[in-house]
PDB file of N, CA and C in Angstrom:
ATOM      1  N   UNK A   1      14.127  16.776 -13.616  1.00  0.00           N
ATOM      2  CA  UNK A   1      13.867  15.329 -13.338  1.00  0.00           C
ATOM      3  C   UNK A   1      12.533  15.131 -14.607  1.00  0.00           C
ATOM      4  N   UNK A   2      12.787  14.017 -14.927  1.00  0.00           N
ATOM      5  CA  UNK A   2      11.636  13.632 -16.083  1.00  0.00           C
ATOM      6  C   UNK A   2      10.750  12.281 -15.763  1.00  0.00           C
ATOM      7  N   UNK A   3       9.679  12.059 -15.939  1.00  0.00           N
ATOM      8  CA  UNK A   3       8.898  11.295 -15.657  1.00  0.00           C
ATOM      9  C   UNK A   3       8.875  10.199 -16.937  1.00  0.00           C
ATOM     10  N   UNK A   4       8.898   8.744 -16.283  1.00  0.00           N
ATOM     11  CA  UNK A   4       9.051   7.567 -16.808  1.00  0.00           C
ATOM     12  C   UNK A   4       7.826   6.456 -16.370  1.00  0.00           C
ATOM     13  N   UNK A   5       7.292   5.790 -17.369  1.00  0.00           N
ATOM     14  CA  UNK A   5       6.252   4.809 -16.814  1.00  0.00           C
ATOM     15  C   UNK A   5       6.971   3.310 -16.787  1.00  0.00           C
ATOM     16  N   UNK A   6       6.781   2.724 -15.881  1.00  0.00           N
ATOM     17  CA  UNK A   6       7.362   1.262 -15.467  1.00  0.00           C
ATOM     18  C   UNK A   6       6.142   0.489 -15.865  1.00  0.00           C
ATOM     19  N   UNK A   7       5.918  -0.558 -16.854  1.00  0.00           N
ATOM     20  CA  UNK A   7       4.719  -1.324 -17.164  1.00  0.00           C
ATOM     21  C   UNK A   7       5.385  -2.723 -16.937  1.00  0.00           C
ATOM     22  N   UNK A   8       4.499  -3.402 -15.968  1.00  0.00           N
ATOM     23  CA  UNK A   8       4.785  -4.781 -15.541  1.00  0.00           C
ATOM     24  C   UNK A   8       4.012  -5.689 -16.512  1.00  0.00           C
ATOM     25  N   UNK A   9       4.492  -6.803 -16.950  1.00  0.00           N
ATOM     26  CA  UNK A   9       3.676  -7.873 -17.479  1.00  0.00           C
ATOM     27  C   UNK A   9       4.015  -9.057 -17.074  1.00  0.00           C
ATOM     28  N   UNK A  10       3.163 -10.076 -17.058  1.00  0.00           N
ATOM     29  CA  UNK A  10       3.344 -11.261 -16.532  1.00  0.00           C
ATOM     30  C   UNK A  10       1.670 -11.883 -16.557  1.00  0.00           C
ATOM     31  N   UNK A  11       2.128 -13.147 -16.052  1.00  0.00           N
ATOM     32  CA  UNK A  11       0.725 -13.992 -16.027  1.00  0.00           C
ATOM     33  C   UNK A  11      -0.048 -13.887 -14.598  1.00  0.00           C
ATOM     34  N   UNK A  12      -1.120 -13.319 -14.646  1.00  0.00           N
ATOM     35  CA  UNK A  12      -1.920 -13.264 -13.323  1.00  0.00           C
ATOM     36  C   UNK A  12      -2.313 -14.537 -12.335  1.00  0.00           C
ATOM     37  N   UNK A  13      -2.366 -15.439 -13.241  1.00  0.00           N
ATOM     38  CA  UNK A  13      -2.682 -16.590 -12.848  1.00  0.00           C
ATOM     39  C   UNK A  13      -1.581 -17.161 -11.654  1.00  0.00           C
ATOM     40  N   UNK A  14      -0.196 -16.725 -12.226  1.00  0.00           N
ATOM     41  CA  UNK A  14       0.646 -17.035 -11.334  1.00  0.00           C
ATOM     42  C   UNK A  14       0.618 -16.407 -10.057  1.00  0.00           C
ATOM     43  N   UNK A  15       0.212 -15.432  -9.896  1.00  0.00           N
ATOM     44  CA  UNK A  15       0.114 -14.717  -8.476  1.00  0.00           C
ATOM     45  C   UNK A  15      -1.429 -15.246  -7.741  1.00  0.00           C
ATOM     46  N   UNK A  16      -2.320 -15.543  -8.526  1.00  0.00           N
ATOM     47  CA  UNK A  16      -3.981 -15.949  -8.163  1.00  0.00           C
ATOM     48  C   UNK A  16      -3.665 -17.293  -7.371  1.00  0.00           C
ATOM     49  N   UNK A  17      -2.479 -18.265  -7.896  1.00  0.00           N
ATOM     50  CA  UNK A  17      -2.233 -19.409  -7.404  1.00  0.00           C
ATOM     51  C   UNK A  17      -1.480 -19.649  -6.335  1.00  0.00           C
ATOM     52  N   UNK A  18      -0.872 -18.412  -6.121  1.00  0.00           N
ATOM     53  CA  UNK A  18      -0.115 -18.632  -4.748  1.00  0.00           C
ATOM     54  C   UNK A  18      -0.984 -18.701  -3.628  1.00  0.00           C
ATOM     55  N   UNK A  19      -0.403 -19.010  -2.537  1.00  0.00           N
ATOM     56  CA  UNK A  19      -1.139 -19.305  -1.241  1.00  0.00           C
ATOM     57  C   UNK A  19      -1.230 -17.848  -0.674  1.00  0.00           C
ATOM     58  N   UNK A  20      -2.344 -17.444   0.321  1.00  0.00           N
ATOM     59  CA  UNK A  20      -2.564 -16.221   0.808  1.00  0.00           C
ATOM     60  C   UNK A  20      -1.407 -15.565   1.357  1.00  0.00           C
ATOM     61  N   UNK A  21      -0.611 -16.345   2.046  1.00  0.00           N
ATOM     62  CA  UNK A  21       0.675 -16.102   2.714  1.00  0.00           C
ATOM     63  C   UNK A  21       1.724 -15.779   1.606  1.00  0.00           C
ATOM     64  N   UNK A  22       1.739 -16.538   0.657  1.00  0.00           N
ATOM     65  CA  UNK A  22       2.751 -15.929  -0.508  1.00  0.00           C
ATOM     66  C   UNK A  22       2.210 -14.523  -1.225  1.00  0.00           C
ATOM     67  N   UNK A  23       0.821 -14.500  -1.507  1.00  0.00           N
ATOM     68  CA  UNK A  23       0.444 -13.571  -1.806  1.00  0.00           C
ATOM     69  C   UNK A  23       0.724 -11.869  -1.130  1.00  0.00           C
ATOM     70  N   UNK A  24       0.512 -12.377   0.217  1.00  0.00           N
ATOM     71  CA  UNK A  24       0.862 -10.984   1.114  1.00  0.00           C
ATOM     72  C   UNK A  24       2.253 -10.815   0.969  1.00  0.00           C
ATOM     73  N   UNK A  25       3.162 -11.665   1.086  1.00  0.00           N
ATOM     74  CA  UNK A  25       4.514 -11.435   0.729  1.00  0.00           C
ATOM     75  C   UNK A  25       4.793 -10.785  -0.518  1.00  0.00           C
ATOM     76  N   UNK A  26       4.190 -11.190  -1.559  1.00  0.00           N
ATOM     77  CA  UNK A  26       4.445 -10.113  -2.715  1.00  0.00           C
ATOM     78  C   UNK A  26       4.104  -8.885  -2.622  1.00  0.00           C
ATOM     79  N   UNK A  27       2.750  -8.820  -1.951  1.00  0.00           N
ATOM     80  CA  UNK A  27       2.320  -7.328  -1.719  1.00  0.00           C
ATOM     81  C   UNK A  27       3.209  -6.558  -1.001  1.00  0.00           C
ATOM     82  N   UNK A  28       3.654  -7.100   0.296  1.00  0.00           N
ATOM     83  CA  UNK A  28       4.560  -6.365   0.910  1.00  0.00           C
ATOM     84  C   UNK A  28       5.890  -5.969   0.375  1.00  0.00           C
ATOM     85  N   UNK A  29       6.299  -6.790  -0.543  1.00  0.00           N
ATOM     86  CA  UNK A  29       7.681  -6.617  -1.403  1.00  0.00           C
ATOM     87  C   UNK A  29       7.419  -5.259  -2.477  1.00  0.00           C
ATOM     88  N   UNK A  30       6.089  -5.068  -3.094  1.00  0.00           N
ATOM     89  CA  UNK A  30       5.751  -3.834  -3.632  1.00  0.00           C
ATOM     90  C   UNK A  30       5.707  -2.770  -2.734  1.00  0.00           C
ATOM     91  N   UNK A  31       5.026  -2.787  -1.626  1.00  0.00           N
ATOM     92  CA  UNK A  31       4.802  -1.703  -0.549  1.00  0.00           C
ATOM     93  C   UNK A  31       6.217  -1.225  -0.126  1.00  0.00           C
ATOM     94  N   UNK A  32       7.040  -2.058   0.236  1.00  0.00           N
ATOM     95  CA  UNK A  32       8.354  -1.717   0.606  1.00  0.00           C
ATOM     96  C   UNK A  32       9.273  -0.897  -0.564  1.00  0.00           C
ATOM     97  N   UNK A  33       8.903  -1.596  -1.823  1.00  0.00           N
ATOM     98  CA  UNK A  33       9.753  -0.808  -3.258  1.00  0.00           C
ATOM     99  C   UNK A  33       9.071   0.638  -3.302  1.00  0.00           C
ATOM    100  N   UNK A  34       7.992   0.700  -2.985  1.00  0.00           N
ATOM    101  CA  UNK A  34       7.143   2.099  -2.969  1.00  0.00           C
ATOM    102  C   UNK A  34       7.781   2.775  -1.897  1.00  0.00           C
ATOM    103  N   UNK A  35       7.976   2.523  -0.791  1.00  0.00           N
ATOM    104  CA  UNK A  35       8.621   3.335   0.329  1.00  0.00           C
ATOM    105  C   UNK A  35       9.987   3.704  -0.138  1.00  0.00           C
ATOM    106  N   UNK A  36      10.744   2.865  -0.855  1.00  0.00           N
ATOM    107  CA  UNK A  36      12.171   3.174  -1.296  1.00  0.00           C
ATOM    108  C   UNK A  36      11.795   4.191  -2.178  1.00  0.00           C
ATOM    109  N   UNK A  37      11.165   3.964  -3.157  1.00  0.00           N
ATOM    110  CA  UNK A  37      10.847   5.196  -4.536  1.00  0.00           C
ATOM    111  C   UNK A  37      10.431   6.450  -3.546  1.00  0.00           C
ATOM    112  N   UNK A  38       9.652   6.326  -2.623  1.00  0.00           N
ATOM    113  CA  UNK A  38       9.371   7.773  -2.025  1.00  0.00           C
ATOM    114  C   UNK A  38      10.135   8.483  -1.172  1.00  0.00           C
ATOM    115  N   UNK A  39      11.037   7.696  -0.481  1.00  0.00           N
ATOM    116  CA  UNK A  39      12.359   8.065   0.118  1.00  0.00           C
ATOM    117  C   UNK A  39      13.164   8.849  -0.991  1.00  0.00           C
ATOM    118  N   UNK A  40      13.109   8.290  -1.873  1.00  0.00           N
ATOM    119  CA  UNK A  40      14.180   8.818  -3.052  1.00  0.00           C
ATOM    120  C   UNK A  40      13.806   9.971  -3.802  1.00  0.00           C
ATOM    121  N   UNK A  41      12.231  10.352  -3.327  1.00  0.00           N
ATOM    122  CA  UNK A  41      11.606  11.441  -4.188  1.00  0.00           C
ATOM    123  C   UNK A  41      11.386  10.837  -5.544  1.00  0.00           C
ATOM    124  N   UNK A  42      11.226   9.634  -5.906  1.00  0.00           N
ATOM    125  CA  UNK A  42      11.252   9.164  -7.193  1.00  0.00           C
ATOM    126  C   UNK A  42       9.591   8.459  -7.695  1.00  0.00           C
ATOM    127  N   UNK A  43       8.943   8.450  -6.641  1.00  0.00           N
ATOM    128  CA  UNK A  43       7.498   7.968  -6.825  1.00  0.00           C
ATOM    129  C   UNK A  43       6.656   9.000  -7.087  1.00  0.00           C
ATOM    130  N   UNK A  44       5.709   8.716  -8.285  1.00  0.00           N
ATOM    131  CA  UNK A  44       4.725   9.659  -8.598  1.00  0.00           C
ATOM    132  C   UNK A  44       3.427   9.134  -8.445  1.00  0.00           C
ATOM    133  N   UNK A  45       3.240   7.765  -9.122  1.00  0.00           N
ATOM    134  CA  UNK A  45       2.021   6.957  -9.092  1.00  0.00           C
ATOM    135  C   UNK A  45       2.207   5.507  -9.367  1.00  0.00           C
ATOM    136  N   UNK A  46       1.332   4.734  -9.218  1.00  0.00           N
ATOM    137  CA  UNK A  46       1.327   3.340  -9.439  1.00  0.00           C
ATOM    138  C   UNK A  46       0.330   2.393  -8.848  1.00  0.00           C
ATOM    139  N   UNK A  47       0.008   1.261  -9.668  1.00  0.00           N
ATOM    140  CA  UNK A  47      -1.133   0.491  -9.088  1.00  0.00           C
ATOM    141  C   UNK A  47      -1.115  -0.924  -9.996  1.00  0.00           C
ATOM    142  N   UNK A  48      -1.481  -1.887  -9.195  1.00  0.00           N
ATOM    143  CA  UNK A  48      -1.654  -3.033  -9.838  1.00  0.00           C
ATOM    144  C   UNK A  48      -2.818  -3.144 -10.935  1.00  0.00           C
ATOM    145  N   UNK A  49      -3.171  -3.939 -11.764  1.00  0.00           N
ATOM    146  CA  UNK A  49      -4.360  -3.916 -12.647  1.00  0.00           C
ATOM    147  C   UNK A  49      -5.074  -5.100 -12.545  1.00  0.00           C
ATOM    148  N   UNK A  50      -6.288  -4.807 -12.384  1.00  0.00           N
ATOM    149  CA  UNK A  50      -7.457  -5.916 -12.358  1.00  0.00           C
ATOM    150  C   UNK A  50      -7.456  -6.522 -13.678  1.00  0.00           C
ATOM    151  N   UNK A  51      -7.087  -7.887 -13.822  1.00  0.00           N
ATOM    152  CA  UNK A  51      -7.260  -8.308 -15.401  1.00  0.00           C
ATOM    153  C   UNK A  51      -8.425  -8.467 -15.876  1.00  0.00           C
ATOM    154  N   UNK A  52      -9.232  -8.734 -14.957  1.00  0.00           N
ATOM    155  CA  UNK A  52     -10.548  -9.082 -15.362  1.00  0.00           C
ATOM    156  C   UNK A  52     -11.576  -7.955 -15.812  1.00  0.00           C
ATOM    157  N   UNK A  53     -10.853  -6.735 -15.552  1.00  0.00           N
ATOM    158  CA  UNK A  53     -11.559  -5.619 -15.985  1.00  0.00           C
ATOM    159  C   UNK A  53     -10.838  -4.866 -17.223  1.00  0.00           C
ATOM    160  N   UNK A  54     -10.152  -5.588 -18.068  1.00  0.00           N
ATOM    161  CA  UNK A  54      -9.324  -4.935 -19.077  1.00  0.00           C
ATOM    162  C   UNK A  54     -10.221  -5.240 -20.353  1.00  0.00           C
ATOM    163  N   UNK A  55     -10.520  -4.019 -20.885  1.00  0.00           N
ATOM    164  CA  UNK A  55     -11.379  -4.074 -22.211  1.00  0.00           C
ATOM    165  C   UNK A  55     -10.585  -3.307 -23.122  1.00  0.00           C
ATOM    166  N   UNK A  56     -10.722  -3.660 -24.354  1.00  0.00           N
ATOM    167  CA  UNK A  56     -10.009  -3.089 -25.400  1.00  0.00           C
ATOM    168  C   UNK A  56     -11.446  -2.492 -26.134  1.00  0.00           C
ATOM    169  N   UNK A  57     -11.231  -1.359 -26.561  1.00  0.00           N
ATOM    170  CA  UNK A  57     -12.328  -0.541 -27.404  1.00  0.00           C
ATOM    171  C   UNK A  57     -11.681  -0.239 -28.484  1.00  0.00           C
ATOM    172  N   UNK A  58     -12.055  -0.362 -29.831  1.00  0.00           N
ATOM    173  CA  UNK A  58     -11.696   0.022 -31.066  1.00  0.00           C
ATOM    174  C   UNK A  58     -12.669   0.871 -31.824  1.00  0.00           C
ATOM    175  N   UNK A  59     -12.239   1.808 -32.476  1.00  0.00           N
ATOM    176  CA  UNK A  59     -12.978   2.878 -33.329  1.00  0.00           C
ATOM    177  C   UNK A  59     -13.286   3.831 -32.509  1.00  0.00           C
ATOM    178  N   UNK A  60     -12.734   4.992 -32.648  1.00  0.00           N
ATOM    179  CA  UNK A  60     -12.773   6.201 -31.816  1.00  0.00           C
ATOM    180  C   UNK A  60     -14.262   6.946 -31.628  1.00  0.00           C
ATOM    181  N   UNK A  61     -15.203   6.755 -32.720  1.00  0.00           N
ATOM    182  CA  UNK A  61     -16.283   6.977 -32.705  1.00  0.00           C
ATOM    183  C   UNK A  61     -17.621   6.031 -32.630  1.00  0.00           C
ATOM    184  N   UNK A  62     -17.617   4.914 -32.805  1.00  0.00           N
ATOM    185  CA  UNK A  62     -18.233   3.817 -32.316  1.00  0.00           C
ATOM    186  C   UNK A  62     -17.613   2.589 -31.763  1.00  0.00           C
ATOM    187  N   UNK A  63     -18.207   2.305 -30.636  1.00  0.00           N
ATOM    188  CA  UNK A  63     -17.488   1.108 -29.991  1.00  0.00           C
ATOM    189  C   UNK A  63     -18.089   0.081 -30.864  1.00  0.00           C
ATOM    190  N   UNK A  64     -17.323  -0.757 -31.387  1.00  0.00           N
ATOM    191  CA  UNK A  64     -17.475  -2.024 -32.161  1.00  0.00           C
ATOM    192  C   UNK A  64     -16.893  -3.120 -31.675  1.00  0.00           C
ATOM    193  N   UNK A  65     -16.074  -3.417 -30.756  1.00  0.00           N
ATOM    194  CA  UNK A  65     -15.330  -4.329 -30.127  1.00  0.00           C
ATOM    195  C   UNK A  65     -14.936  -4.201 -28.940  1.00  0.00           C
ATOM    196  N   UNK A  66     -15.629  -4.874 -27.912  1.00  0.00           N
ATOM    197  CA  UNK A  66     -15.170  -4.765 -26.797  1.00  0.00           C
ATOM    198  C   UNK A  66     -14.611  -6.314 -26.193  1.00  0.00           C
ATOM    199  N   UNK A  67     -13.412  -6.518 -25.616  1.00  0.00           N
ATOM    200  CA  UNK A  67     -13.123  -7.849 -25.166  1.00  0.00           C
ATOM    201  C   UNK A  67     -12.009  -7.426 -24.046  1.00  0.00           C
ATOM    202  N   UNK A  68     -11.616  -8.793 -23.564  1.00  0.00           N
ATOM    203  CA  UNK A  68     -10.494  -8.847 -22.794  1.00  0.00           C
ATOM    204  C   UNK A  68      -9.306  -9.386 -23.710  1.00  0.00           C
ATOM    205  N   UNK A  69      -8.497  -8.347 -24.206  1.00  0.00           N
ATOM    206  CA  UNK A  69      -7.284  -8.412 -25.039  1.00  0.00           C
ATOM    207  C   UNK A  69      -6.258  -9.392 -24.343  1.00  0.00           C
ATOM    208  N   UNK A  70      -6.221  -9.594 -23.154  1.00  0.00           N
ATOM    209  CA  UNK A  70      -5.174 -10.470 -22.205  1.00  0.00           C
ATOM    210  C   UNK A  70      -5.415 -11.665 -21.736  1.00  0.00           C
ATOM    211  N   UNK A  71      -6.860 -12.108 -21.966  1.00  0.00           N
ATOM    212  CA  UNK A  71      -7.221 -13.307 -21.412  1.00  0.00           C
ATOM    213  C   UNK A  71      -6.524 -14.425 -21.417  1.00  0.00           C
ATOM    214  N   UNK A  72      -6.081 -14.775 -22.437  1.00  0.00           N
ATOM    215  CA  UNK A  72      -5.304 -16.041 -23.044  1.00  0.00           C
ATOM    216  C   UNK A  72      -3.799 -15.619 -23.430  1.00  0.00           C
ATOM    217  N   UNK A  73      -3.308 -14.434 -22.704  1.00  0.00           N
ATOM    218  CA  UNK A  73      -1.732 -14.163 -23.171  1.00  0.00           C
ATOM    219  C   UNK A  73      -1.002 -14.293 -21.824  1.00  0.00           C
ATOM    220  N   UNK A  74       0.214 -15.001 -21.884  1.00  0.00           N
ATOM    221  CA  UNK A  74       1.349 -14.871 -20.879  1.00  0.00           C
ATOM    222  C   UNK A  74       1.692 -14.004 -20.613  1.00  0.00           C
ATOM    223  N   UNK A  75       1.637 -12.596 -21.537  1.00  0.00           N
ATOM    224  CA  UNK A  75       2.191 -11.577 -21.049  1.00  0.00           C
ATOM    225  C   UNK A  75       0.890 -10.400 -20.675  1.00  0.00           C
ATOM    226  N   UNK A  76       0.453 -10.337 -19.801  1.00  0.00           N
ATOM    227  CA  UNK A  76      -0.798  -9.610 -19.364  1.00  0.00           C
ATOM    228  C   UNK A  76      -0.073  -8.537 -18.764  1.00  0.00           C
ATOM    229  N   UNK A  77      -0.860  -7.412 -18.915  1.00  0.00           N
ATOM    230  CA  UNK A  77      -0.392  -6.309 -18.312  1.00  0.00           C
ATOM    231  C   UNK A  77      -0.713  -6.418 -16.651  1.00  0.00           C
ATOM    232  N   UNK A  78       0.205  -6.205 -15.787  1.00  0.00           N
ATOM    233  CA  UNK A  78      -0.266  -6.414 -14.274  1.00  0.00           C
ATOM    234  C   UNK A  78      -0.319  -5.412 -13.504  1.00  0.00           C
ATOM    235  N   UNK A  79       0.587  -4.251 -14.096  1.00  0.00           N
ATOM    236  CA  UNK A  79       0.629  -3.200 -13.074  1.00  0.00           C
ATOM    237  C   UNK A  79       1.356  -1.824 -13.848  1.00  0.00           C
ATOM    238  N   UNK A  80       1.704  -0.804 -13.096  1.00  0.00           N
ATOM    239  CA  UNK A  80       2.362   0.318 -13.644  1.00  0.00           C
ATOM    240  C   UNK A  80       2.662   1.094 -12.553  1.00  0.00           C
ATOM    241  N   UNK A  81       3.522   1.757 -12.763  1.00  0.00           N
ATOM    242  CA  UNK A  81       4.425   2.909 -11.965  1.00  0.00           C
ATOM    243  C   UNK A  81       4.938   3.930 -12.615  1.00  0.00           C
ATOM    244  N   UNK A  82       4.623   5.267 -12.349  1.00  0.00           N
ATOM    245  CA  UNK A  82       5.261   6.565 -12.792  1.00  0.00           C
ATOM    246  C   UNK A  82       5.920   6.751 -11.903  1.00  0.00           C
ATOM    247  N   UNK A  83       7.508   7.082 -12.439  1.00  0.00           N
ATOM    248  CA  UNK A  83       8.626   7.569 -11.499  1.00  0.00           C
ATOM    249  C   UNK A  83       9.330   8.748 -12.069  1.00  0.00           C
ATOM    250  N   UNK A  84       9.893   9.259 -11.341  1.00  0.00           N
ATOM    251  CA  UNK A  84      11.018  10.573 -11.660  1.00  0.00           C
ATOM    252  C   UNK A  84      12.274   9.992 -11.604  1.00  0.00           C
ATOM    253  N   UNK A  85      13.132  10.422 -12.635  1.00  0.00           N
ATOM    254  CA  UNK A  85      14.610  10.002 -12.914  1.00  0.00           C
ATOM    255  C   UNK A  85      15.322  11.030 -13.741  1.00  0.00           C
ATOM    256  N   UNK A  86      16.439  11.328 -13.310  1.00  0.00           N
ATOM    257  CA  UNK A  86      17.152  12.020 -14.170  1.00  0.00           C
ATOM    258  C   UNK A  86      17.295  11.811 -15.746  1.00  0.00           C
ATOM    259  N   UNK A  87      17.465  10.519 -16.151  1.00  0.00           N
ATOM    260  CA  UNK A  87      17.539   9.924 -17.482  1.00  0.00           C
ATOM    261  C   UNK A  87      17.217   8.673 -17.646  1.00  0.00           C
ATOM    262  N   UNK A  88      17.090   8.037 -18.900  1.00  0.00           N
ATOM    263  CA  UNK A  88      16.598   6.837 -18.892  1.00  0.00           C
ATOM    264  C   UNK A  88      17.559   5.826 -18.151  1.00  0.00           C
ATOM    265  N   UNK A  89      18.725   6.008 -18.148  1.00  0.00           N
ATOM    266  CA  UNK A  89      19.613   4.979 -17.548  1.00  0.00           C
ATOM    267  C   UNK A  89      19.211   4.806 -16.190  1.00  0.00           C
ATOM    268  N   UNK A  90      19.040   6.010 -15.497  1.00  0.00           N
ATOM    269  CA  UNK A  90      18.516   5.957 -13.942  1.00  0.00           C
ATOM    270  C   UNK A  90      17.125   5.420 -13.773  1.00  0.00           C
ATOM    271  N   UNK A  91      16.200   5.499 -14.815  1.00  0.00           N
ATOM    272  CA  UNK A  91      14.946   5.031 -14.840  1.00  0.00           C
ATOM    273  C   UNK A  91      15.067   3.445 -14.854  1.00  0.00           C
ATOM    274  N   UNK A  92      15.937   3.211 -15.561  1.00  0.00           N
ATOM    275  CA  UNK A  92      16.114   1.464 -15.998  1.00  0.00           C
ATOM    276  C   UNK A  92      16.720   1.028 -14.755  1.00  0.00           C
ATOM    277  N   UNK A  93      17.856   1.793 -14.004  1.00  0.00           N
ATOM    278  CA  UNK A  93      18.112   1.536 -12.947  1.00  0.00           C
ATOM    279  C   UNK A  93      17.000   1.091 -11.670  1.00  0.00           C
ATOM    280  N   UNK A  94      16.268   1.882 -11.829  1.00  0.00           N
ATOM    281  CA  UNK A  94      14.997   2.116 -10.763  1.00  0.00           C
ATOM    282  C   UNK A  94      14.231   0.640 -11.167  1.00  0.00           C
ATOM    283  N   UNK A  95      13.765   0.388 -12.349  1.00  0.00           N
ATOM    284  CA  UNK A  95      13.087  -0.767 -13.164  1.00  0.00           C
ATOM    285  C   UNK A  95      13.635  -2.105 -12.686  1.00  0.00           C
ATOM    286  N   UNK A  96      14.992  -2.085 -12.608  1.00  0.00           N
ATOM    287  CA  UNK A  96      15.688  -3.301 -12.226  1.00  0.00           C
ATOM    288  C   UNK A  96      15.519  -3.761 -10.891  1.00  0.00           C
ATOM    289  N   UNK A  97      15.113  -2.827 -10.121  1.00  0.00           N
ATOM    290  CA  UNK A  97      14.737  -3.190  -8.751  1.00  0.00           C
ATOM    291  C   UNK A  97      13.338  -3.549  -8.270  1.00  0.00           C
ATOM    292  N   UNK A  98      12.690  -3.559  -9.555  1.00  0.00           N
ATOM    293  CA  UNK A  98      11.108  -3.672  -9.288  1.00  0.00           C
ATOM    294  C   UNK A  98      10.731  -5.168  -8.764  1.00  0.00           C
ATOM    295  N   UNK A  99      10.112  -5.505  -7.954  1.00  0.00           N
ATOM    296  CA  UNK A  99       9.636  -6.880  -7.343  1.00  0.00           C
ATOM    297  C   UNK A  99       9.310  -7.606  -8.605  1.00  0.00           C
ATOM    298  N   UNK A 100       8.382  -7.148  -9.563  1.00  0.00           N
ATOM    299  CA  UNK A 100       7.788  -7.884 -10.513  1.00  0.00           C
ATOM    300  C   UNK A 100       9.110  -8.842 -11.017  1.00  0.00           C
ATOM    301  N   UNK A 101      10.236  -8.322 -11.321  1.00  0.00           N
ATOM    302  CA  UNK A 101      11.156  -9.399 -11.859  1.00  0.00           C
ATOM    303  C   UNK A 101      11.576 -10.592 -10.713  1.00  0.00           C
ATOM    304  N   UNK A 102      11.610 -10.567  -9.552  1.00  0.00           N
ATOM    305  CA  UNK A 102      11.622 -11.519  -8.730  1.00  0.00           C
ATOM    306  C   UNK A 102      10.422 -12.689  -8.947  1.00  0.00           C
ATOM    307  N   UNK A 103       9.255 -12.229  -9.392  1.00  0.00           N
ATOM    308  CA  UNK A 103       8.184 -13.215  -9.859  1.00  0.00           C
ATOM    309  C   UNK A 103       8.135 -13.657 -11.203  1.00  0.00           C
ATOM    310  N   UNK A 104       9.105 -13.390 -12.032  1.00  0.00           N
ATOM    311  CA  UNK A 104       8.983 -13.953 -13.395  1.00  0.00           C
ATOM    312  C   UNK A 104       8.441 -12.822 -14.288  1.00  0.00           C
ATOM    313  N   UNK A 105       8.047 -11.737 -14.109  1.00  0.00           N
ATOM    314  CA  UNK A 105       7.436 -10.696 -14.625  1.00  0.00           C
ATOM    315  C   UNK A 105       8.613  -9.978 -15.503  1.00  0.00           C
ATOM    316  N   UNK A 106       8.043  -9.511 -16.686  1.00  0.00           N
ATOM    317  CA  UNK A 106       8.887  -8.440 -17.241  1.00  0.00           C
ATOM    318  C   UNK A 106       8.441  -7.063 -17.099  1.00  0.00           C
ATOM    319  N   UNK A 107       9.503  -6.178 -17.339  1.00  0.00           N
ATOM    320  CA  UNK A 107       9.093  -4.755 -16.995  1.00  0.00           C
ATOM    321  C   UNK A 107       9.566  -3.826 -18.317  1.00  0.00           C
ATOM    322  N   UNK A 108       8.774  -2.731 -18.612  1.00  0.00           N
ATOM    323  CA  UNK A 108       9.368  -2.147 -19.810  1.00  0.00           C
ATOM    324  C   UNK A 108       9.355  -0.672 -18.981  1.00  0.00           C
ATOM    325  N   UNK A 109      10.417   0.197 -19.235  1.00  0.00           N
ATOM    326  CA  UNK A 109      10.477   1.601 -19.175  1.00  0.00           C
ATOM    327  C   UNK A 109      10.293   2.527 -20.484  1.00  0.00           C
ATOM    328  N   UNK A 110       9.193   3.354 -20.125  1.00  0.00           N
ATOM    329  CA  UNK A 110       8.912   4.190 -21.225  1.00  0.00           C
ATOM    330  C   UNK A 110       8.888   5.749 -20.752  1.00  0.00           C
ATOM    331  N   UNK A 111       9.573   6.643 -21.329  1.00  0.00           N
ATOM    332  CA  UNK A 111       9.771   8.038 -21.182  1.00  0.00           C
ATOM    333  C   UNK A 111       8.267   8.488 -21.564  1.00  0.00           C
ATOM    334  N   UNK A 112       7.699   9.549 -20.444  1.00  0.00           N
ATOM    335  CA  UNK A 112       6.519   9.952 -21.000  1.00  0.00           C
ATOM    336  C   UNK A 112       6.834  11.676 -21.407  1.00  0.00           C
ATOM    337  N   UNK A 113       6.037  11.972 -22.049  1.00  0.00           N
ATOM    338  CA  UNK A 113       5.951  13.418 -22.745  1.00  0.00           C
ATOM    339  C   UNK A 113       7.059  13.451 -23.918  1.00  0.00           C
ATOM    340  N   UNK A 114       6.975  14.615 -24.511  1.00  0.00           N
ATOM    341  CA  UNK A 114       7.804  14.790 -25.815  1.00  0.00           C
ATOM    342  C   UNK A 114       8.944  15.606 -25.543  1.00  0.00           C
TER     343      UNK A 114
END
């Protein structure tokens, strides 16, 4: 089995503008999906991202520039999952079931390692 990263991108304001009940439904959908991944021995790790804490640091020796690179971007990074799959096709199949797609986000699949 190979590791793959699923990266979710969307507009965080969409989630923040939902009612508390709607937000709880979204979170439950993710928790249910993670349970399915765990039952299939495909889950390694995952988390949503706090878009208010995103900082971009440029220049490996000197911090010259720190900002929130996604503050005004419709495609903010919203979360990630690390999964196990036999191949890219299976990883894509898993990604197609990601709850993010139901909420208008996009999902990328990236093979990890060399």
